Full PDB file with SEQRES, HELIX, SHEET, SSBOND, CRYST1, ORIGX, SCALE, CONECT and MASTER records, all heavy atoms in Angstrom:
SEQRES   1 A   42  GLU PHE VAL ALA THR VAL ASN TRP SER GLY GLY ASN THR          
SEQRES   2 A   42  TYR TYR ALA HIS SER VAL LYS GLY ARG PHE THR ILE SER          
SEQRES   3 A   42  ARG ASP ASN ALA LYS ASN THR VAL ASP LEU GLN MET ASN          
SEQRES   4 A   42  SER LEU LYS                                                  
SHEET    1 AA1 2 ALA A   4  VAL A   6  0                                        
SHEET    2 AA1 2 THR A  13  TYR A  15 -1                                        
SHEET    1 AA2 2 PHE A  23  ASP A  28  0                                        
SHEET    2 AA2 2 THR A  33  MET A  38 -1                                        
CRYST1    1.000    1.000    1.000  90.00  90.00  90.00 P 1           1          
ORIGX1      1.000000  0.000000  0.000000        0.00000                         
ORIGX2      0.000000  1.000000  0.000000        0.00000                         
ORIGX3      0.000000  0.000000  1.000000        0.00000                         
SCALE1      1.000000  0.000000  0.000000        0.00000                         
SCALE2      0.000000  1.000000  0.000000        0.00000                         
SCALE3      0.000000  0.000000  1.000000        0.00000                         
ATOM      1  N   GLU A   1     -14.434  -4.493  -1.960  1.00  0.00           N  
ATOM      2  CA  GLU A   1     -13.480  -5.586  -1.849  1.00  0.00           C  
ATOM      3  C   GLU A   1     -12.270  -5.190  -1.000  1.00  0.00           C  
ATOM      4  O   GLU A   1     -11.886  -4.028  -0.925  1.00  0.00           O  
ATOM      5  CB  GLU A   1     -13.003  -6.053  -3.233  1.00  0.00           C  
ATOM      6  CG  GLU A   1     -12.196  -5.030  -3.998  1.00  0.00           C  
ATOM      7  CD  GLU A   1     -11.635  -5.596  -5.299  1.00  0.00           C  
ATOM      8  OE1 GLU A   1     -11.956  -6.744  -5.656  1.00  0.00           O  
ATOM      9  OE2 GLU A   1     -10.861  -4.878  -5.960  1.00  0.00           O  
ATOM     10  N   PHE A   2     -11.696  -6.185  -0.405  1.00  0.00           N  
ATOM     11  CA  PHE A   2     -10.518  -6.025   0.433  1.00  0.00           C  
ATOM     12  C   PHE A   2      -9.295  -5.648  -0.388  1.00  0.00           C  
ATOM     13  O   PHE A   2      -9.097  -6.173  -1.493  1.00  0.00           O  
ATOM     14  CB  PHE A   2     -10.259  -7.333   1.180  1.00  0.00           C  
ATOM     15  CG  PHE A   2      -8.921  -7.413   1.846  1.00  0.00           C  
ATOM     16  CD1 PHE A   2      -8.647  -6.687   2.988  1.00  0.00           C  
ATOM     17  CD2 PHE A   2      -7.925  -8.223   1.313  1.00  0.00           C  
ATOM     18  CE1 PHE A   2      -7.401  -6.768   3.584  1.00  0.00           C  
ATOM     19  CE2 PHE A   2      -6.682  -8.313   1.905  1.00  0.00           C  
ATOM     20  CZ  PHE A   2      -6.422  -7.579   3.047  1.00  0.00           C  
ATOM     21  N   VAL A   3      -8.471  -4.747   0.164  1.00  0.00           N  
ATOM     22  CA  VAL A   3      -7.219  -4.355  -0.480  1.00  0.00           C  
ATOM     23  C   VAL A   3      -6.017  -4.719   0.399  1.00  0.00           C  
ATOM     24  O   VAL A   3      -5.125  -5.436  -0.029  1.00  0.00           O  
ATOM     25  CB  VAL A   3      -7.199  -2.846  -0.779  1.00  0.00           C  
ATOM     26  CG1 VAL A   3      -5.841  -2.420  -1.338  1.00  0.00           C  
ATOM     27  CG2 VAL A   3      -8.312  -2.476  -1.753  1.00  0.00           C  
ATOM     28  N   ALA A   4      -6.025  -4.221   1.636  1.00  0.00           N  
ATOM     29  CA  ALA A   4      -4.878  -4.450   2.515  1.00  0.00           C  
ATOM     30  C   ALA A   4      -5.297  -4.227   3.961  1.00  0.00           C  
ATOM     31  O   ALA A   4      -6.251  -3.504   4.231  1.00  0.00           O  
ATOM     32  CB  ALA A   4      -3.729  -3.509   2.163  1.00  0.00           C  
ATOM     33  N   THR A   5      -4.569  -4.867   4.884  1.00  0.00           N  
ATOM     34  CA  THR A   5      -4.849  -4.693   6.287  1.00  0.00           C  
ATOM     35  C   THR A   5      -3.551  -4.741   7.082  1.00  0.00           C  
ATOM     36  O   THR A   5      -2.552  -5.322   6.634  1.00  0.00           O  
ATOM     37  CB  THR A   5      -5.830  -5.769   6.796  1.00  0.00           C  
ATOM     38  OG1 THR A   5      -6.113  -5.553   8.180  1.00  0.00           O  
ATOM     39  CG2 THR A   5      -5.262  -7.166   6.622  1.00  0.00           C  
ATOM     40  N   VAL A   6      -3.580  -4.119   8.258  1.00  0.00           N  
ATOM     41  CA  VAL A   6      -2.408  -4.084   9.126  1.00  0.00           C  
ATOM     42  C   VAL A   6      -2.869  -4.223  10.569  1.00  0.00           C  
ATOM     43  O   VAL A   6      -3.920  -3.703  10.958  1.00  0.00           O  
ATOM     44  CB  VAL A   6      -1.617  -2.766   8.916  1.00  0.00           C  
ATOM     45  CG1 VAL A   6      -2.457  -1.539   9.244  1.00  0.00           C  
ATOM     46  CG2 VAL A   6      -0.324  -2.755   9.716  1.00  0.00           C  
ATOM     47  N   ASN A   7      -2.067  -4.928  11.373  1.00  0.00           N  
ATOM     48  CA  ASN A   7      -2.456  -5.103  12.777  1.00  0.00           C  
ATOM     49  C   ASN A   7      -2.098  -3.849  13.567  1.00  0.00           C  
ATOM     50  O   ASN A   7      -1.553  -2.877  13.034  1.00  0.00           O  
ATOM     51  CB  ASN A   7      -1.801  -6.346  13.366  1.00  0.00           C  
ATOM     52  CG  ASN A   7      -0.326  -6.132  13.690  1.00  0.00           C  
ATOM     53  OD1 ASN A   7       0.389  -5.484  12.917  1.00  0.00           O  
ATOM     54  ND2 ASN A   7       0.122  -6.657  14.816  1.00  0.00           N  
ATOM     55  N   TRP A   8      -2.357  -3.868  14.870  1.00  0.00           N  
ATOM     56  CA  TRP A   8      -2.249  -2.656  15.681  1.00  0.00           C  
ATOM     57  C   TRP A   8      -0.836  -2.068  15.690  1.00  0.00           C  
ATOM     58  O   TRP A   8      -0.658  -0.854  15.706  1.00  0.00           O  
ATOM     59  CB  TRP A   8      -2.690  -2.938  17.112  1.00  0.00           C  
ATOM     60  CG  TRP A   8      -1.695  -3.755  17.900  1.00  0.00           C  
ATOM     61  CD1 TRP A   8      -1.625  -5.103  17.982  1.00  0.00           C  
ATOM     62  CD2 TRP A   8      -0.625  -3.250  18.702  1.00  0.00           C  
ATOM     63  NE1 TRP A   8      -0.575  -5.493  18.777  1.00  0.00           N  
ATOM     64  CE2 TRP A   8       0.058  -4.371  19.235  1.00  0.00           C  
ATOM     65  CE3 TRP A   8      -0.173  -1.980  19.021  1.00  0.00           C  
ATOM     66  CZ2 TRP A   8       1.165  -4.230  20.075  1.00  0.00           C  
ATOM     67  CZ3 TRP A   8       0.929  -1.837  19.860  1.00  0.00           C  
ATOM     68  CH2 TRP A   8       1.585  -2.964  20.375  1.00  0.00           C  
ATOM     69  N   SER A   9       0.166  -2.922  15.644  1.00  0.00           N  
ATOM     70  CA  SER A   9       1.543  -2.441  15.761  1.00  0.00           C  
ATOM     71  C   SER A   9       2.164  -2.086  14.419  1.00  0.00           C  
ATOM     72  O   SER A   9       3.203  -1.430  14.364  1.00  0.00           O  
ATOM     73  CB  SER A   9       2.410  -3.504  16.443  1.00  0.00           C  
ATOM     74  OG  SER A   9       2.553  -4.625  15.591  1.00  0.00           O  
ATOM     75  N   GLY A  10       1.552  -2.542  13.334  1.00  0.00           N  
ATOM     76  CA  GLY A  10       2.165  -2.362  12.020  1.00  0.00           C  
ATOM     77  C   GLY A  10       3.070  -3.503  11.629  1.00  0.00           C  
ATOM     78  O   GLY A  10       3.591  -3.535  10.520  1.00  0.00           O  
ATOM     79  N   GLY A  11       3.238  -4.461  12.505  1.00  0.00           N  
ATOM     80  CA  GLY A  11       4.160  -5.549  12.251  1.00  0.00           C  
ATOM     81  C   GLY A  11       3.614  -6.641  11.352  1.00  0.00           C  
ATOM     82  O   GLY A  11       4.385  -7.405  10.762  1.00  0.00           O  
ATOM     83  N   ASN A  12       2.317  -6.730  11.268  1.00  0.00           N  
ATOM     84  CA  ASN A  12       1.686  -7.760  10.431  1.00  0.00           C  
ATOM     85  C   ASN A  12       0.803  -7.100   9.390  1.00  0.00           C  
ATOM     86  O   ASN A  12      -0.049  -6.276   9.715  1.00  0.00           O  
ATOM     87  CB  ASN A  12       0.842  -8.701  11.290  1.00  0.00           C  
ATOM     88  CG  ASN A  12       1.688  -9.542  12.219  1.00  0.00           C  
ATOM     89  OD1 ASN A  12       2.826  -9.855  11.921  1.00  0.00           O  
ATOM     90  ND2 ASN A  12       1.125  -9.898  13.355  1.00  0.00           N  
ATOM     91  N   THR A  13       1.003  -7.494   8.148  1.00  0.00           N  
ATOM     92  CA  THR A  13       0.206  -6.966   7.053  1.00  0.00           C  
ATOM     93  C   THR A  13      -0.267  -8.106   6.159  1.00  0.00           C  
ATOM     94  O   THR A  13       0.313  -9.204   6.161  1.00  0.00           O  
ATOM     95  CB  THR A  13       1.007  -5.969   6.192  1.00  0.00           C  
ATOM     96  OG1 THR A  13       2.177  -6.631   5.677  1.00  0.00           O  
ATOM     97  CG2 THR A  13       1.432  -4.756   6.998  1.00  0.00           C  
ATOM     98  N   TYR A  14      -1.306  -7.826   5.406  1.00  0.00           N  
ATOM     99  CA  TYR A  14      -1.855  -8.822   4.484  1.00  0.00           C  
ATOM    100  C   TYR A  14      -2.490  -8.077   3.325  1.00  0.00           C  
ATOM    101  O   TYR A  14      -3.117  -7.036   3.517  1.00  0.00           O  
ATOM    102  CB  TYR A  14      -2.887  -9.683   5.206  1.00  0.00           C  
ATOM    103  CG  TYR A  14      -3.500 -10.771   4.352  1.00  0.00           C  
ATOM    104  CD1 TYR A  14      -2.748 -11.858   3.922  1.00  0.00           C  
ATOM    105  CD2 TYR A  14      -4.837 -10.706   3.976  1.00  0.00           C  
ATOM    106  CE1 TYR A  14      -3.308 -12.852   3.145  1.00  0.00           C  
ATOM    107  CE2 TYR A  14      -5.407 -11.693   3.201  1.00  0.00           C  
ATOM    108  CZ  TYR A  14      -4.636 -12.765   2.791  1.00  0.00           C  
ATOM    109  OH  TYR A  14      -5.198 -13.755   2.022  1.00  0.00           O  
ATOM    110  N   TYR A  15      -2.309  -8.611   2.105  1.00  0.00           N  
ATOM    111  CA  TYR A  15      -2.766  -7.930   0.909  1.00  0.00           C  
ATOM    112  C   TYR A  15      -3.624  -8.833   0.031  1.00  0.00           C  
ATOM    113  O   TYR A  15      -3.444 -10.047   0.002  1.00  0.00           O  
ATOM    114  CB  TYR A  15      -1.556  -7.475   0.079  1.00  0.00           C  
ATOM    115  CG  TYR A  15      -0.668  -6.484   0.787  1.00  0.00           C  
ATOM    116  CD1 TYR A  15       0.403  -6.914   1.576  1.00  0.00           C  
ATOM    117  CD2 TYR A  15      -0.898  -5.115   0.692  1.00  0.00           C  
ATOM    118  CE1 TYR A  15       1.216  -6.010   2.238  1.00  0.00           C  
ATOM    119  CE2 TYR A  15      -0.086  -4.204   1.342  1.00  0.00           C  
ATOM    120  CZ  TYR A  15       0.960  -4.668   2.113  1.00  0.00           C  
ATOM    121  OH  TYR A  15       1.750  -3.756   2.771  1.00  0.00           O  
ATOM    122  N   ALA A  16      -4.503  -8.196  -0.694  1.00  0.00           N  
ATOM    123  CA  ALA A  16      -5.223  -8.908  -1.744  1.00  0.00           C  
ATOM    124  C   ALA A  16      -4.219  -9.311  -2.818  1.00  0.00           C  
ATOM    125  O   ALA A  16      -3.237  -8.594  -3.082  1.00  0.00           O  
ATOM    126  CB  ALA A  16      -6.308  -8.025  -2.333  1.00  0.00           C  
ATOM    127  N   HIS A  17      -4.473 -10.431  -3.438  1.00  0.00           N  
ATOM    128  CA  HIS A  17      -3.556 -10.938  -4.470  1.00  0.00           C  
ATOM    129  C   HIS A  17      -3.372  -9.927  -5.593  1.00  0.00           C  
ATOM    130  O   HIS A  17      -2.270  -9.778  -6.138  1.00  0.00           O  
ATOM    131  CB  HIS A  17      -4.076 -12.249  -5.022  1.00  0.00           C  
ATOM    132  CG  HIS A  17      -3.245 -12.820  -6.116  1.00  0.00           C  
ATOM    133  ND1 HIS A  17      -2.012 -13.413  -5.882  1.00  0.00           N  
ATOM    134  CD2 HIS A  17      -3.423 -12.868  -7.459  1.00  0.00           C  
ATOM    135  CE1 HIS A  17      -1.497 -13.814  -7.022  1.00  0.00           C  
ATOM    136  NE2 HIS A  17      -2.336 -13.497  -8.002  1.00  0.00           N  
ATOM    137  N   SER A  18      -4.442  -9.192  -5.894  1.00  0.00           N  
ATOM    138  CA  SER A  18      -4.417  -8.281  -7.035  1.00  0.00           C  
ATOM    139  C   SER A  18      -3.503  -7.074  -6.814  1.00  0.00           C  
ATOM    140  O   SER A  18      -3.120  -6.408  -7.780  1.00  0.00           O  
ATOM    141  CB  SER A  18      -5.829  -7.800  -7.352  1.00  0.00           C  
ATOM    142  OG  SER A  18      -6.388  -7.136  -6.234  1.00  0.00           O  
ATOM    143  N   VAL A  19      -3.156  -6.782  -5.559  1.00  0.00           N  
ATOM    144  CA  VAL A  19      -2.333  -5.597  -5.285  1.00  0.00           C  
ATOM    145  C   VAL A  19      -0.989  -5.943  -4.649  1.00  0.00           C  
ATOM    146  O   VAL A  19      -0.135  -5.064  -4.494  1.00  0.00           O  
ATOM    147  CB  VAL A  19      -3.068  -4.595  -4.369  1.00  0.00           C  
ATOM    148  CG1 VAL A  19      -4.434  -4.250  -4.946  1.00  0.00           C  
ATOM    149  CG2 VAL A  19      -3.201  -5.121  -2.948  1.00  0.00           C  
ATOM    150  N   LYS A  20      -0.801  -7.191  -4.284  1.00  0.00           N  
ATOM    151  CA  LYS A  20       0.427  -7.589  -3.612  1.00  0.00           C  
ATOM    152  C   LYS A  20       1.635  -7.294  -4.490  1.00  0.00           C  
ATOM    153  O   LYS A  20       1.636  -7.591  -5.688  1.00  0.00           O  
ATOM    154  CB  LYS A  20       0.382  -9.074  -3.253  1.00  0.00           C  
ATOM    155  CG  LYS A  20       1.473  -9.499  -2.285  1.00  0.00           C  
ATOM    156  CD  LYS A  20       1.240 -10.921  -1.809  1.00  0.00           C  
ATOM    157  CE  LYS A  20       2.266 -11.300  -0.747  1.00  0.00           C  
ATOM    158  NZ  LYS A  20       2.052 -12.684  -0.247  1.00  0.00           N  
ATOM    159  N   GLY A  21       2.630  -6.663  -3.882  1.00  0.00           N  
ATOM    160  CA  GLY A  21       3.830  -6.288  -4.617  1.00  0.00           C  
ATOM    161  C   GLY A  21       3.754  -4.896  -5.217  1.00  0.00           C  
ATOM    162  O   GLY A  21       4.781  -4.342  -5.638  1.00  0.00           O  
ATOM    163  N   ARG A  22       2.559  -4.318  -5.278  1.00  0.00           N  
ATOM    164  CA  ARG A  22       2.378  -2.964  -5.817  1.00  0.00           C  
ATOM    165  C   ARG A  22       1.958  -1.975  -4.741  1.00  0.00           C  
ATOM    166  O   ARG A  22       2.335  -0.800  -4.793  1.00  0.00           O  
ATOM    167  CB  ARG A  22       1.327  -2.973  -6.932  1.00  0.00           C  
ATOM    168  CG  ARG A  22       1.670  -3.863  -8.106  1.00  0.00           C  
ATOM    169  CD  ARG A  22       0.685  -3.657  -9.251  1.00  0.00           C  
ATOM    170  NE  ARG A  22      -0.682  -4.036  -8.898  1.00  0.00           N  
ATOM    171  CZ  ARG A  22      -1.724  -3.205  -8.974  1.00  0.00           C  
ATOM    172  NH1 ARG A  22      -1.564  -1.966  -9.384  1.00  0.00           N  
ATOM    173  NH2 ARG A  22      -2.933  -3.635  -8.642  1.00  0.00           N  
ATOM    174  N   PHE A  23       1.169  -2.437  -3.781  1.00  0.00           N  
ATOM    175  CA  PHE A  23       0.651  -1.568  -2.720  1.00  0.00           C  
ATOM    176  C   PHE A  23       1.339  -1.898  -1.397  1.00  0.00           C  
ATOM    177  O   PHE A  23       1.692  -3.055  -1.141  1.00  0.00           O  
ATOM    178  CB  PHE A  23      -0.850  -1.774  -2.543  1.00  0.00           C  
ATOM    179  CG  PHE A  23      -1.709  -1.274  -3.676  1.00  0.00           C  
ATOM    180  CD1 PHE A  23      -1.179  -0.869  -4.884  1.00  0.00           C  
ATOM    181  CD2 PHE A  23      -3.086  -1.207  -3.511  1.00  0.00           C  
ATOM    182  CE1 PHE A  23      -1.968  -0.426  -5.920  1.00  0.00           C  
ATOM    183  CE2 PHE A  23      -3.913  -0.756  -4.530  1.00  0.00           C  
ATOM    184  CZ  PHE A  23      -3.350  -0.373  -5.735  1.00  0.00           C  
ATOM    185  N   THR A  24       1.491  -0.879  -0.560  1.00  0.00           N  
ATOM    186  CA  THR A  24       2.062  -1.066   0.771  1.00  0.00           C  
ATOM    187  C   THR A  24       1.232  -0.310   1.787  1.00  0.00           C  
ATOM    188  O   THR A  24       1.001   0.889   1.635  1.00  0.00           O  
ATOM    189  CB  THR A  24       3.508  -0.566   0.830  1.00  0.00           C  
ATOM    190  OG1 THR A  24       4.302  -1.255  -0.148  1.00  0.00           O  
ATOM    191  CG2 THR A  24       4.098  -0.821   2.215  1.00  0.00           C  
ATOM    192  N   ILE A  25       0.791  -1.024   2.826  1.00  0.00           N  
ATOM    193  CA  ILE A  25       0.045  -0.392   3.914  1.00  0.00           C  
ATOM    194  C   ILE A  25       1.011  -0.151   5.071  1.00  0.00           C  
ATOM    195  O   ILE A  25       1.881  -0.977   5.364  1.00  0.00           O  
ATOM    196  CB  ILE A  25      -1.150  -1.271   4.349  1.00  0.00           C  
ATOM    197  CG1 ILE A  25      -2.030  -0.522   5.347  1.00  0.00           C  
ATOM    198  CG2 ILE A  25      -0.692  -2.613   4.917  1.00  0.00           C  
ATOM    199  CD1 ILE A  25      -3.361  -1.238   5.651  1.00  0.00           C  
ATOM    200  N   SER A  26       0.848   0.996   5.721  1.00  0.00           N  
ATOM    201  CA  SER A  26       1.684   1.322   6.874  1.00  0.00           C  
ATOM    202  C   SER A  26       0.884   2.202   7.821  1.00  0.00           C  
ATOM    203  O   SER A  26      -0.118   2.792   7.422  1.00  0.00           O  
ATOM    204  CB  SER A  26       2.963   2.036   6.437  1.00  0.00           C  
ATOM    205  OG  SER A  26       2.656   3.250   5.777  1.00  0.00           O  
ATOM    206  N   ARG A  27       1.344   2.280   9.065  1.00  0.00           N  
ATOM    207  CA  ARG A  27       0.629   3.093  10.037  1.00  0.00           C  
ATOM    208  C   ARG A  27       1.620   3.811  10.936  1.00  0.00           C  
ATOM    209  O   ARG A  27       2.751   3.354  11.143  1.00  0.00           O  
ATOM    210  CB  ARG A  27      -0.340   2.245  10.864  1.00  0.00           C  
ATOM    211  CG  ARG A  27       0.323   1.245  11.777  1.00  0.00           C  
ATOM    212  CD  ARG A  27      -0.728   0.339  12.422  1.00  0.00           C  
ATOM    213  NE  ARG A  27      -1.617   1.073  13.301  1.00  0.00           N  
ATOM    214  CZ  ARG A  27      -2.813   0.609  13.702  1.00  0.00           C  
ATOM    215  NH1 ARG A  27      -3.230  -0.582  13.281  1.00  0.00           N  
ATOM    216  NH2 ARG A  27      -3.566   1.315  14.512  1.00  0.00           N  
ATOM    217  N   ASP A  28       1.160   4.924  11.464  1.00  0.00           N  
ATOM    218  CA  ASP A  28       1.940   5.702  12.421  1.00  0.00           C  
ATOM    219  C   ASP A  28       1.032   5.948  13.613  1.00  0.00           C  
ATOM    220  O   ASP A  28       0.162   6.825  13.576  1.00  0.00           O  
ATOM    221  CB  ASP A  28       2.397   7.017  11.786  1.00  0.00           C  
ATOM    222  CG  ASP A  28       3.330   7.799  12.680  1.00  0.00           C  
ATOM    223  OD1 ASP A  28       3.271   7.627  13.921  1.00  0.00           O  
ATOM    224  OD2 ASP A  28       4.105   8.613  12.157  1.00  0.00           O  
ATOM    225  N   ASN A  29       1.219   5.193  14.672  1.00  0.00           N  
ATOM    226  CA  ASN A  29       0.330   5.303  15.833  1.00  0.00           C  
ATOM    227  C   ASN A  29       0.530   6.619  16.600  1.00  0.00           C  
ATOM    228  O   ASN A  29      -0.370   7.059  17.303  1.00  0.00           O  
ATOM    229  CB  ASN A  29       0.526   4.117  16.761  1.00  0.00           C  
ATOM    230  CG  ASN A  29      -0.063   2.844  16.189  1.00  0.00           C  
ATOM    231  OD1 ASN A  29      -0.931   2.883  15.310  1.00  0.00           O  
ATOM    232  ND2 ASN A  29       0.410   1.699  16.664  1.00  0.00           N  
ATOM    233  N   ALA A  30       1.664   7.215  16.446  1.00  0.00           N  
ATOM    234  CA  ALA A  30       1.892   8.512  17.095  1.00  0.00           C  
ATOM    235  C   ALA A  30       1.076   9.612  16.421  1.00  0.00           C  
ATOM    236  O   ALA A  30       0.680  10.584  17.061  1.00  0.00           O  
ATOM    237  CB  ALA A  30       3.369   8.863  17.057  1.00  0.00           C  
ATOM    238  N   LYS A  31       0.833   9.447  15.124  1.00  0.00           N  
ATOM    239  CA  LYS A  31       0.080  10.447  14.362  1.00  0.00           C  
ATOM    240  C   LYS A  31      -1.359  10.014  14.091  1.00  0.00           C  
ATOM    241  O   LYS A  31      -2.122  10.768  13.492  1.00  0.00           O  
ATOM    242  CB  LYS A  31       0.782  10.721  13.031  1.00  0.00           C  
ATOM    243  CG  LYS A  31       2.166  11.340  13.171  1.00  0.00           C  
ATOM    244  CD  LYS A  31       2.781  11.599  11.809  1.00  0.00           C  
ATOM    245  CE  LYS A  31       4.151  12.245  11.939  1.00  0.00           C  
ATOM    246  NZ  LYS A  31       4.777  12.493  10.609  1.00  0.00           N  
ATOM    247  N   ASN A  32      -1.725   8.811  14.514  1.00  0.00           N  
ATOM    248  CA  ASN A  32      -3.071   8.277  14.255  1.00  0.00           C  
ATOM    249  C   ASN A  32      -3.396   8.235  12.767  1.00  0.00           C  
ATOM    250  O   ASN A  32      -4.464   8.662  12.322  1.00  0.00           O  
ATOM    251  CB  ASN A  32      -4.146   9.096  14.986  1.00  0.00           C  
ATOM    252  CG  ASN A  32      -4.262   8.731  16.456  1.00  0.00           C  
ATOM    253  OD1 ASN A  32      -3.376   8.089  17.015  1.00  0.00           O  
ATOM    254  ND2 ASN A  32      -5.333   9.159  17.097  1.00  0.00           N  
ATOM    255  N   THR A  33      -2.462   7.737  11.993  1.00  0.00           N  
ATOM    256  CA  THR A  33      -2.679   7.648  10.559  1.00  0.00           C  
ATOM    257  C   THR A  33      -2.329   6.256  10.027  1.00  0.00           C  
ATOM    258  O   THR A  33      -1.488   5.549  10.594  1.00  0.00           O  
ATOM    259  CB  THR A  33      -1.844   8.676   9.784  1.00  0.00           C  
ATOM    260  OG1 THR A  33      -0.454   8.465  10.077  1.00  0.00           O  
ATOM    261  CG2 THR A  33      -2.232  10.100  10.143  1.00  0.00           C  
ATOM    262  N   VAL A  34      -2.989   5.901   8.950  1.00  0.00           N  
ATOM    263  CA  VAL A  34      -2.640   4.701   8.207  1.00  0.00           C  
ATOM    264  C   VAL A  34      -2.617   5.070   6.730  1.00  0.00           C  
ATOM    265  O   VAL A  34      -3.522   5.753   6.251  1.00  0.00           O  
ATOM    266  CB  VAL A  34      -3.616   3.540   8.497  1.00  0.00           C  
ATOM    267  CG1 VAL A  34      -5.039   3.909   8.147  1.00  0.00           C  
ATOM    268  CG2 VAL A  34      -3.188   2.282   7.760  1.00  0.00           C  
ATOM    269  N   ASP A  35      -1.573   4.695   6.052  1.00  0.00           N  
ATOM    270  CA  ASP A  35      -1.367   5.065   4.668  1.00  0.00           C  
ATOM    271  C   ASP A  35      -1.417   3.853   3.748  1.00  0.00           C  
ATOM    272  O   ASP A  35      -1.164   2.722   4.182  1.00  0.00           O  
ATOM    273  CB  ASP A  35      -0.013   5.753   4.493  1.00  0.00           C  
ATOM    274  CG  ASP A  35       0.033   7.118   5.156  1.00  0.00           C  
ATOM    275  OD1 ASP A  35      -1.028   7.623   5.568  1.00  0.00           O  
ATOM    276  OD2 ASP A  35       1.139   7.678   5.250  1.00  0.00           O  
ATOM    277  N   LEU A  36      -1.712   4.121   2.495  1.00  0.00           N  
ATOM    278  CA  LEU A  36      -1.659   3.094   1.471  1.00  0.00           C  
ATOM    279  C   LEU A  36      -0.867   3.663   0.296  1.00  0.00           C  
ATOM    280  O   LEU A  36      -1.359   4.536  -0.415  1.00  0.00           O  
ATOM    281  CB  LEU A  36      -3.055   2.688   1.008  1.00  0.00           C  
ATOM    282  CG  LEU A  36      -3.099   1.523   0.015  1.00  0.00           C  
ATOM    283  CD1 LEU A  36      -2.683   0.230   0.712  1.00  0.00           C  
ATOM    284  CD2 LEU A  36      -4.492   1.374  -0.587  1.00  0.00           C  
ATOM    285  N   GLN A  37       0.356   3.187   0.124  1.00  0.00           N  
ATOM    286  CA  GLN A  37       1.186   3.586  -1.004  1.00  0.00           C  
ATOM    287  C   GLN A  37       0.858   2.679  -2.179  1.00  0.00           C  
ATOM    288  O   GLN A  37       0.985   1.453  -2.068  1.00  0.00           O  
ATOM    289  CB  GLN A  37       2.670   3.470  -0.655  1.00  0.00           C  
ATOM    290  CG  GLN A  37       3.610   3.804  -1.793  1.00  0.00           C  
ATOM    291  CD  GLN A  37       3.536   5.252  -2.218  1.00  0.00           C  
ATOM    292  OE1 GLN A  37       3.465   6.146  -1.385  1.00  0.00           O  
ATOM    293  NE2 GLN A  37       3.533   5.495  -3.517  1.00  0.00           N  
ATOM    294  N   MET A  38       0.443   3.293  -3.273  1.00  0.00           N  
ATOM    295  CA  MET A  38       0.011   2.521  -4.439  1.00  0.00           C  
ATOM    296  C   MET A  38       0.937   2.836  -5.612  1.00  0.00           C  
ATOM    297  O   MET A  38       0.990   3.986  -6.061  1.00  0.00           O  
ATOM    298  CB  MET A  38      -1.434   2.872  -4.796  1.00  0.00           C  
ATOM    299  CG  MET A  38      -2.402   2.696  -3.627  1.00  0.00           C  
ATOM    300  SD  MET A  38      -4.117   2.949  -4.088  1.00  0.00           S  
ATOM    301  CE  MET A  38      -4.087   4.674  -4.557  1.00  0.00           C  
ATOM    302  N   ASN A  39       1.658   1.838  -6.063  1.00  0.00           N  
ATOM    303  CA  ASN A  39       2.572   1.988  -7.183  1.00  0.00           C  
ATOM    304  C   ASN A  39       2.104   1.138  -8.365  1.00  0.00           C  
ATOM    305  O   ASN A  39       1.282   0.244  -8.207  1.00  0.00           O  
ATOM    306  CB  ASN A  39       3.982   1.558  -6.774  1.00  0.00           C  
ATOM    307  CG  ASN A  39       4.548   2.399  -5.654  1.00  0.00           C  
ATOM    308  OD1 ASN A  39       4.242   3.597  -5.528  1.00  0.00           O  
ATOM    309  ND2 ASN A  39       5.378   1.804  -4.805  1.00  0.00           N  
ATOM    310  N   SER A  40       2.654   1.428  -9.525  1.00  0.00           N  
ATOM    311  CA  SER A  40       2.340   0.667 -10.739  1.00  0.00           C  
ATOM    312  C   SER A  40       0.825   0.526 -10.919  1.00  0.00           C  
ATOM    313  O   SER A  40       0.310  -0.573 -11.161  1.00  0.00           O  
ATOM    314  CB  SER A  40       3.004  -0.716 -10.682  1.00  0.00           C  
ATOM    315  OG  SER A  40       4.399  -0.597 -10.545  1.00  0.00           O  
ATOM    316  N   LEU A  41       0.133   1.630 -10.785  1.00  0.00           N  
ATOM    317  CA  LEU A  41      -1.327   1.601 -10.838  1.00  0.00           C  
ATOM    318  C   LEU A  41      -1.831   1.180 -12.205  1.00  0.00           C  
ATOM    319  O   LEU A  41      -1.224   1.471 -13.246  1.00  0.00           O  
ATOM    320  CB  LEU A  41      -1.883   2.963 -10.454  1.00  0.00           C  
ATOM    321  CG  LEU A  41      -1.857   3.244  -8.945  1.00  0.00           C  
ATOM    322  CD1 LEU A  41      -1.970   4.736  -8.662  1.00  0.00           C  
ATOM    323  CD2 LEU A  41      -2.968   2.477  -8.248  1.00  0.00           C  
ATOM    324  N   LYS A  42      -2.966   0.476 -12.166  1.00  0.00           N  
ATOM    325  CA  LYS A  42      -3.605  -0.037 -13.382  1.00  0.00           C  
ATOM    326  C   LYS A  42      -5.020   0.536 -13.474  1.00  0.00           C  
ATOM    327  O   LYS A  42      -5.621   0.885 -12.442  1.00  0.00           O  
ATOM    328  CB  LYS A  42      -3.689  -1.560 -13.315  1.00  0.00           C  
ATOM    329  CG  LYS A  42      -2.352  -2.257 -13.107  1.00  0.00           C  
ATOM    330  CD  LYS A  42      -2.551  -3.757 -12.925  1.00  0.00           C  
ATOM    331  CE  LYS A  42      -1.230  -4.475 -12.693  1.00  0.00           C  
ATOM    332  NZ  LYS A  42      -1.423  -5.942 -12.511  1.00  0.00           N  
TER     333      LYS A  42                                                      
MASTER        0    0    0    0    4    0    0    6  332    1    0    4          
END                                                                             
């Protein structure tokens, strides 16, 4: 199932309803990485 997505620049993100407000997706194009910060885990 889908959790989160981010566009090429990092400027646009979208989350599954079940994780919105708890998870944050981010990317660093200089480092070729994309992270998912997960808080208030269930």
